[in-house]
Amino acid sequence: MTADAHEATNNTDESEVFELSPEEWQAAVLRGLERVGLTRAELKEQARERNFSSTEARKLWMIIGDPA
């Protein structure tokens, strides 16, 4: 492996972190709910029953969870 190839490989190991304001987070949550076609209450019920309508709905729940 060349030095350039090794450097390129190492650069892919870096993670990006995005900090959102509370307003930006809420907007992102609402977009996610819209994308999966559910309300927060419906998503919470699916989580309670451990029976999600889609993989995307499950992923969204894993990200937003229950803010209670």
Protein backbone atom coordinates (compact mmCIF):
# COMPACT_ATOMS: atom_id res chain seq x y z
CA MET A 1 0.00 0.00 0.00
CA THR A 2 1.37 3.39 -0.94
CA ALA A 3 1.65 6.19 1.58
CA ASP A 4 -1.16 8.07 -0.21
CA ALA A 5 -3.45 5.04 -0.15
CA HIS A 6 -2.71 4.49 3.54
CA GLU A 7 -3.48 8.15 4.30
CA ALA A 8 -6.75 7.95 2.35
CA THR A 9 -7.73 4.84 4.32
CA ASN A 10 -7.02 6.55 7.63
CA ASN A 11 -9.11 9.57 6.66
CA THR A 12 -12.22 7.38 6.33
CA ASP A 13 -11.95 6.42 10.00
CA GLU A 14 -12.85 9.92 11.13
CA SER A 15 -16.40 10.58 12.31
CA GLU A 16 -18.30 13.78 11.85
CA VAL A 17 -20.34 15.22 14.68
CA PHE A 18 -23.21 17.59 14.01
CA GLU A 19 -24.53 19.71 16.84
CA LEU A 20 -28.14 20.80 16.48
CA SER A 21 -30.02 23.47 18.33
CA PRO A 22 -33.23 22.32 20.02
CA GLU A 23 -35.21 23.84 17.16
CA GLU A 24 -33.11 22.04 14.55
CA TRP A 25 -33.48 18.74 16.45
CA GLN A 26 -37.27 19.14 16.61
CA ALA A 27 -37.42 19.92 12.88
CA ALA A 28 -35.30 16.83 12.14
CA VAL A 29 -37.57 14.65 14.29
CA LEU A 30 -40.67 15.96 12.53
CA ARG A 31 -39.08 15.30 9.11
CA GLY A 32 -38.25 11.76 10.19
CA LEU A 33 -41.79 11.14 11.41
CA GLU A 34 -43.17 12.53 8.17
CA ARG A 35 -40.83 10.33 6.17
CA VAL A 36 -42.08 7.16 7.91
CA GLY A 37 -45.70 8.38 7.90
CA LEU A 38 -46.22 8.19 11.66
CA THR A 39 -46.97 10.48 14.56
CA ARG A 40 -44.71 10.42 17.60
CA ALA A 41 -47.49 8.66 19.53
CA GLU A 42 -47.82 6.00 16.83
CA LEU A 43 -44.08 5.45 16.77
CA LYS A 44 -44.01 5.21 20.57
CA GLU A 45 -46.81 2.63 20.48
CA GLN A 46 -44.90 0.57 17.90
CA ALA A 47 -41.85 0.71 20.17
CA ARG A 48 -43.93 -0.36 23.18
CA GLU A 49 -45.26 -3.33 21.19
CA ARG A 50 -41.81 -3.96 19.65
CA ASN A 51 -43.56 -4.19 16.30
CA PHE A 52 -42.40 -1.49 13.92
CA SER A 53 -44.12 -0.81 10.61
CA SER A 54 -40.76 -0.58 8.84
CA THR A 55 -37.04 -0.77 9.34
CA GLU A 56 -36.94 3.00 8.90
CA ALA A 57 -39.46 3.45 11.73
CA ARG A 58 -37.32 1.28 14.01
CA LYS A 59 -34.19 3.24 13.09
CA LEU A 60 -35.99 6.50 13.79
CA TRP A 61 -37.06 5.25 17.22
CA MET A 62 -33.48 4.21 17.96
CA ILE A 63 -32.39 7.76 17.19
CA ILE A 64 -35.13 9.80 18.85
CA GLY A 65 -36.42 7.44 21.53
CA ASP A 66 -38.83 8.66 24.15
CA PRO A 67 -37.98 12.13 25.45
CA ALA A 68 -40.19 11.59 28.51
